[in-house]
């Protein structure tokens, strides 16, 4: 297995979209540039969704316009529809993300359609992105449990993952959206998914509601996964999942990966300092145990 682990930094999108204090585009771009300078190579700059529904993601195009591009840096953005794709292409992003779930009840609450309808909606967008030379990530929410439908069968997750791959997605992120998973349950999902999806095309997206995110990441590492989503300072949650706390903190993930002998190319202390600045701006305390201990 590879001794390198890739982090997909989602704090500026999945994190900030759930914070009550809005952050202007200039500040968000400054944070993006600082995270990139710290060594993170895949960073979500935001999403091209209607500011009516997600006001925190307004002016994502302005954020991207102020990013200092460099070799190896992937500027990524979430899109919901053709208008979002057009905006992402105009902004010259490197990768787009589309999103569905393993639960029809969740997709109905989230994007007002079934899983099948969401995939049909995304098919032409993925094709257009691929034709434009843009990589596509497919998010699958609620891979373990849905706040509306309860426990999800692992076979459902595998089915959605296979359909996303068939659409043309380059990588697939498996999301424990409400943070209830434990290592054995992560294993069950991977038992279902890995026979049909190459491990190098999978990522884990773990929320830390019950404090199990790092344990689940370690289980993913043991199964060969080397790409993980996290958010600086543990920002975020899910507006459609009551009770869901923030993402796994990038600081805590880095500490674990380094301890397991995996290279990331990321400066942990620099990320801690950025996280502390973000928390000061948002008037919140970092949930990252590593940031608290290091007192950067």
Protein backbone atom coordinates (compact mmCIF):
# COMPACT_ATOMS: atom_id res chain seq x y z
CA UNK A 1 0.00 0.00 0.00
CA UNK A 2 1.08 3.60 -0.57
CA UNK A 3 2.88 5.38 2.25
CA UNK A 4 1.30 8.68 1.17
CA UNK A 5 -2.12 9.85 2.32
CA UNK A 6 -4.14 12.57 0.59
CA UNK A 7 -6.33 14.97 2.52
CA UNK A 8 -9.29 16.68 0.85
CA UNK A 9 -9.81 19.89 2.84
CA UNK A 10 -13.54 20.64 3.01
CA UNK A 11 -13.65 23.28 5.73
CA UNK A 12 -14.18 26.23 3.41
CA UNK A 13 -17.20 24.55 1.86
CA UNK A 14 -18.74 21.83 4.02
CA UNK A 15 -17.54 23.66 7.12
CA UNK A 16 -18.41 27.29 6.51
CA UNK A 17 -21.79 26.53 4.93
CA UNK A 18 -23.03 25.54 8.39
CA UNK A 19 -21.59 28.45 10.35
CA UNK A 20 -23.96 31.24 11.37
CA UNK A 21 -21.38 34.01 10.95
CA UNK A 22 -20.90 34.86 7.24
CA UNK A 23 -17.35 35.25 5.95
CA UNK A 24 -16.55 37.50 3.00
CA UNK A 25 -14.89 36.22 -0.16
CA UNK A 26 -11.60 38.03 0.51
CA UNK A 27 -11.18 36.31 3.86
CA UNK A 28 -12.17 32.92 2.50
CA UNK A 29 -9.62 33.29 -0.31
CA UNK A 30 -6.93 34.25 2.20
CA UNK A 31 -7.68 31.14 4.23
CA UNK A 32 -7.60 29.02 1.07
CA UNK A 33 -4.19 30.39 0.11
CA UNK A 34 -2.85 29.80 3.62
CA UNK A 35 -4.06 26.19 3.61
CA UNK A 36 -2.46 25.66 0.20
CA UNK A 37 0.80 27.17 1.46
CA UNK A 38 0.65 24.73 4.39
CA UNK A 39 0.87 21.91 1.84
CA UNK A 40 -2.73 20.87 1.26
CA UNK A 41 -3.18 20.01 -2.42
CA UNK A 42 -6.91 19.35 -2.65
CA UNK A 43 -9.08 22.12 -1.22
CA UNK A 44 -12.77 22.84 -1.74
CA UNK A 45 -13.10 26.56 -2.37
CA UNK A 46 -16.88 26.55 -1.96
CA UNK A 47 -19.99 25.60 -3.87
CA UNK A 48 -21.92 27.09 -6.75
CA UNK A 49 -25.34 26.90 -5.17
CA UNK A 50 -28.00 29.56 -4.83
CA UNK A 51 -27.11 32.03 -2.06
CA UNK A 52 -30.82 32.02 -1.27
CA UNK A 53 -30.41 28.49 0.10
CA UNK A 54 -26.79 28.60 1.29
CA UNK A 55 -25.88 32.27 1.85
CA UNK A 56 -22.48 31.37 3.29
CA UNK A 57 -21.39 30.17 -0.17
CA UNK A 58 -22.14 33.44 -1.96
CA UNK A 59 -19.33 34.82 -4.16
CA UNK A 60 -17.47 31.53 -4.56
CA UNK A 61 -16.36 32.80 -7.97
CA UNK A 62 -14.69 35.75 -6.25
CA UNK A 63 -12.93 33.40 -3.83
CA UNK A 64 -11.52 31.37 -6.70
CA UNK A 65 -10.44 34.48 -8.61
CA UNK A 66 -8.19 35.42 -5.68
CA UNK A 67 -6.54 32.03 -5.26
CA UNK A 68 -2.83 31.79 -5.97
CA UNK A 69 -2.58 28.83 -8.32
CA UNK A 70 0.41 26.52 -8.26
CA UNK A 71 1.45 23.19 -9.70
CA UNK A 72 -0.21 20.28 -7.90
CA UNK A 73 -2.99 22.38 -6.37
CA UNK A 74 -6.54 21.22 -7.08
CA UNK A 75 -9.21 23.91 -6.68
CA UNK A 76 -12.50 22.11 -6.11
CA UNK A 77 -16.15 23.14 -5.87
CA UNK A 78 -19.52 21.52 -5.32
CA UNK A 79 -22.22 21.98 -7.97
CA UNK A 80 -25.94 21.09 -7.94
CA UNK A 81 -27.02 21.74 -11.53
CA UNK A 82 -26.10 23.05 -14.98
CA UNK A 83 -25.95 26.64 -13.79
CA UNK A 84 -23.48 25.58 -11.11
CA UNK A 85 -21.39 23.68 -13.64
CA UNK A 86 -21.30 26.69 -15.97
CA UNK A 87 -20.11 28.88 -13.11
CA UNK A 88 -17.47 26.34 -12.08
CA UNK A 89 -16.14 26.06 -15.62
CA UNK A 90 -16.05 29.84 -15.94
CA UNK A 91 -14.07 30.02 -12.70
CA UNK A 92 -11.60 27.45 -14.08
CA UNK A 93 -11.86 24.94 -11.24
CA UNK A 94 -9.81 21.75 -11.35
CA UNK A 95 -12.47 19.41 -10.01
CA UNK A 96 -16.20 19.54 -9.40
CA UNK A 97 -18.22 17.49 -6.96
CA UNK A 98 -21.77 16.21 -7.25
CA UNK A 99 -23.72 14.82 -4.33
CA UNK A 100 -26.26 12.13 -3.66
CA UNK A 101 -26.93 9.71 -0.80
CA UNK A 102 -27.53 6.06 -0.01
CA UNK A 103 -30.98 7.01 1.34
CA UNK A 104 -33.93 8.20 -0.72
CA UNK A 105 -35.34 9.91 2.35
CA UNK A 106 -32.16 11.97 2.71
CA UNK A 107 -31.99 13.00 -0.95
CA UNK A 108 -35.64 14.05 -0.76
CA UNK A 109 -34.89 16.30 2.23
CA UNK A 110 -31.59 17.51 0.80
CA UNK A 111 -32.16 18.02 -2.93
CA UNK A 112 -35.87 17.22 -3.30
CA UNK A 113 -35.55 14.09 -5.43
CA UNK A 114 -34.84 10.36 -5.23
CA UNK A 115 -31.40 8.81 -5.56
CA UNK A 116 -32.20 7.67 -9.10
CA UNK A 117 -33.45 11.12 -10.07
CA UNK A 118 -30.31 12.73 -8.62
CA UNK A 119 -28.10 10.45 -10.70
CA UNK A 120 -30.14 11.19 -13.82
CA UNK A 121 -29.77 14.90 -13.09
CA UNK A 122 -26.01 14.62 -12.67
CA UNK A 123 -25.31 12.38 -15.68
CA UNK A 124 -25.10 15.20 -18.28
CA UNK A 125 -23.12 17.38 -15.85
CA UNK A 126 -20.51 14.68 -15.28
CA UNK A 127 -20.28 14.02 -19.01
CA UNK A 128 -19.83 17.72 -19.75
CA UNK A 129 -17.17 18.08 -17.07
CA UNK A 130 -15.28 15.05 -18.36
CA UNK A 131 -15.44 16.45 -21.89
CA UNK A 132 -13.96 19.69 -20.56
CA UNK A 133 -11.11 17.79 -18.90
CA UNK A 134 -12.42 18.44 -15.39
CA UNK A 135 -12.27 15.65 -12.82
CA UNK A 136 -15.46 14.80 -10.96
CA UNK A 137 -15.94 13.65 -7.38
CA UNK A 138 -19.12 11.90 -6.30
CA UNK A 139 -20.29 12.33 -2.72
CA UNK A 140 -22.46 9.67 -1.12
CA UNK A 141 -24.08 10.85 2.12
CA UNK A 142 -25.58 8.66 4.87
CA UNK A 143 -23.58 5.53 4.09
CA UNK A 144 -24.30 4.09 7.56
CA UNK A 145 -27.39 5.73 8.93
CA UNK A 146 -29.97 8.26 7.80
CA UNK A 147 -31.63 10.71 10.22
CA UNK A 148 -34.94 10.09 8.45
CA UNK A 149 -34.83 6.44 7.32
CA UNK A 150 -32.54 4.81 9.88
CA UNK A 151 -29.93 2.16 9.16
CA UNK A 152 -28.68 1.85 5.58
CA UNK A 153 -27.90 -1.53 4.02
CA UNK A 154 -24.26 -1.68 2.82
CA UNK A 155 -25.48 -3.05 -0.50
CA UNK A 156 -27.31 0.23 -1.12
CA UNK A 157 -24.04 2.11 -0.76
CA UNK A 158 -22.27 -0.23 -3.17
CA UNK A 159 -25.06 0.20 -5.72
CA UNK A 160 -24.87 4.02 -5.62
CA UNK A 161 -21.05 3.93 -5.78
CA UNK A 162 -21.14 1.69 -8.86
CA UNK A 163 -23.66 3.98 -10.56
CA UNK A 164 -21.50 7.06 -9.85
CA UNK A 165 -18.49 5.30 -11.31
CA UNK A 166 -20.53 4.40 -14.40
CA UNK A 167 -21.52 8.07 -14.77
CA UNK A 168 -17.85 9.00 -15.02
CA UNK A 169 -16.89 10.10 -11.50
CA UNK A 170 -13.16 9.87 -10.88
CA UNK A 171 -13.39 9.40 -7.13
CA UNK A 172 -16.12 8.66 -4.62
CA UNK A 173 -16.37 9.95 -1.06
CA UNK A 174 -18.24 7.78 1.43
CA UNK A 175 -19.86 10.03 4.02
CA UNK A 176 -20.85 9.14 7.57
CA UNK A 177 -23.03 12.23 7.54
CA UNK A 178 -24.38 12.07 11.08
CA UNK A 179 -21.23 10.60 12.59
CA UNK A 180 -22.65 7.40 14.09
CA UNK A 181 -20.32 4.87 12.46
CA UNK A 182 -17.89 2.63 14.34
CA UNK A 183 -14.98 0.67 12.85
CA UNK A 184 -16.84 -2.62 12.43
CA UNK A 185 -19.63 -0.81 10.62
CA UNK A 186 -17.15 0.96 8.35
CA UNK A 187 -15.79 -2.50 7.59
CA UNK A 188 -19.25 -3.69 6.59
CA UNK A 189 -19.63 -0.83 4.12
CA UNK A 190 -16.18 -1.43 2.67
CA UNK A 191 -16.90 -5.18 2.40
CA UNK A 192 -19.80 -4.25 0.13
CA UNK A 193 -18.08 -1.49 -1.86
CA UNK A 194 -14.52 -2.72 -2.42
CA UNK A 195 -15.30 -5.70 -4.67
CA UNK A 196 -16.56 -3.33 -7.38
CA UNK A 197 -14.80 -0.01 -6.67
CA UNK A 198 -10.98 0.27 -6.77
CA UNK A 199 -9.70 1.33 -3.35
CA UNK A 200 -7.63 4.15 -4.86
CA UNK A 201 -10.86 5.78 -6.06
CA UNK A 202 -12.46 5.86 -2.62
CA UNK A 203 -12.31 8.41 0.19
CA UNK A 204 -13.78 8.43 3.69
CA UNK A 205 -15.68 11.48 4.96
CA UNK A 206 -16.17 11.04 8.70
CA UNK A 207 -18.08 13.28 11.08
CA UNK A 208 -17.17 13.14 14.74
CA UNK A 209 -20.55 13.27 16.47
CA UNK A 210 -19.78 10.29 18.72
CA UNK A 211 -16.01 10.78 18.77
CA UNK A 212 -15.38 7.82 16.46
CA UNK A 213 -13.99 9.58 13.39
CA UNK A 214 -10.30 8.80 13.97
CA UNK A 215 -11.06 5.17 14.79
CA UNK A 216 -13.00 4.92 11.54
CA UNK A 217 -10.16 6.55 9.60
CA UNK A 218 -7.75 4.00 11.05
CA UNK A 219 -10.04 1.20 9.92
CA UNK A 220 -10.11 2.74 6.45
CA UNK A 221 -6.31 2.84 6.44
CA UNK A 222 -6.22 -0.83 7.36
CA UNK A 223 -8.44 -1.57 4.34
CA UNK A 224 -6.16 0.37 1.99
CA UNK A 225 -7.92 3.72 1.72
CA UNK A 226 -5.49 6.61 1.43
CA UNK A 227 -7.77 9.61 0.78
CA UNK A 228 -9.68 11.26 3.61
CA UNK A 229 -11.88 14.33 3.91
CA UNK A 230 -11.47 16.69 6.84
CA UNK A 231 -12.12 20.30 7.82
CA UNK A 232 -9.68 22.70 9.41
CA UNK A 233 -10.70 23.31 13.03
CA UNK A 234 -13.40 20.65 12.69
CA UNK A 235 -15.78 23.09 10.99
CA UNK A 236 -19.13 22.01 9.69
CA UNK A 237 -21.95 19.60 10.15
CA UNK A 238 -25.00 19.02 8.04
CA UNK A 239 -28.04 21.33 7.93
CA UNK A 240 -30.23 18.42 6.83
CA UNK A 241 -29.07 16.03 9.57
CA UNK A 242 -30.29 17.14 13.01
CA UNK A 243 -27.68 16.66 15.70
CA UNK A 244 -24.77 16.13 13.33
CA UNK A 245 -21.63 17.76 14.69
CA UNK A 246 -18.62 18.92 12.75
CA UNK A 247 -16.28 17.17 10.40
CA UNK A 248 -13.14 15.49 11.61
CA UNK A 249 -10.57 18.23 12.26
CA UNK A 250 -7.73 18.31 9.73
CA UNK A 251 -5.30 18.90 12.60
CA UNK A 252 -6.34 15.66 14.31
CA UNK A 253 -6.26 13.69 11.06
CA UNK A 254 -2.74 14.94 10.27
CA UNK A 255 -1.48 13.90 13.70
CA UNK A 256 -2.89 10.39 13.24
CA UNK A 257 -1.54 9.95 9.72
CA UNK A 258 1.94 11.12 10.68
CA UNK A 259 1.90 8.76 13.66
CA UNK A 260 1.08 5.88 11.34
CA UNK A 261 4.15 6.68 9.26
CA UNK A 262 2.25 8.14 6.31
CA UNK A 263 3.48 11.22 4.48
CA UNK A 264 1.06 14.04 3.70
CA UNK A 265 3.32 16.94 2.74
CA UNK A 266 1.29 19.16 5.08
CA UNK A 267 2.67 21.36 7.86
CA UNK A 268 0.60 20.48 10.93
CA UNK A 269 1.58 23.55 12.94
CA UNK A 270 0.67 25.85 10.05
CA UNK A 271 -2.77 24.25 9.78
CA UNK A 272 -3.22 24.69 13.55
CA UNK A 273 -2.45 28.39 13.25
CA UNK A 274 -4.92 28.80 10.38
CA UNK A 275 -7.58 26.92 12.32
CA UNK A 276 -7.07 29.15 15.33
CA UNK A 277 -7.48 32.27 13.17
CA UNK A 278 -10.67 30.88 11.66
CA UNK A 279 -12.07 30.10 15.10
CA UNK A 280 -11.28 33.60 16.32
CA UNK A 281 -13.12 35.04 13.33
CA UNK A 282 -16.13 32.80 13.93
CA UNK A 283 -16.09 33.37 17.68
CA UNK A 284 -15.89 29.67 18.44
CA UNK A 285 -13.49 27.31 20.19
CA UNK A 286 -11.66 24.76 18.11
CA UNK A 287 -12.84 21.19 18.76
CA UNK A 288 -9.49 19.87 17.56
CA UNK A 289 -7.74 18.06 20.41
CA UNK A 290 -4.41 18.44 18.62
CA UNK A 291 -4.82 22.19 18.17
CA UNK A 292 -5.76 22.55 21.84
CA UNK A 293 -2.72 20.52 22.91
CA UNK A 294 -0.22 22.20 20.61
CA UNK A 295 -1.42 25.74 21.41
CA UNK A 296 -0.03 27.01 18.11
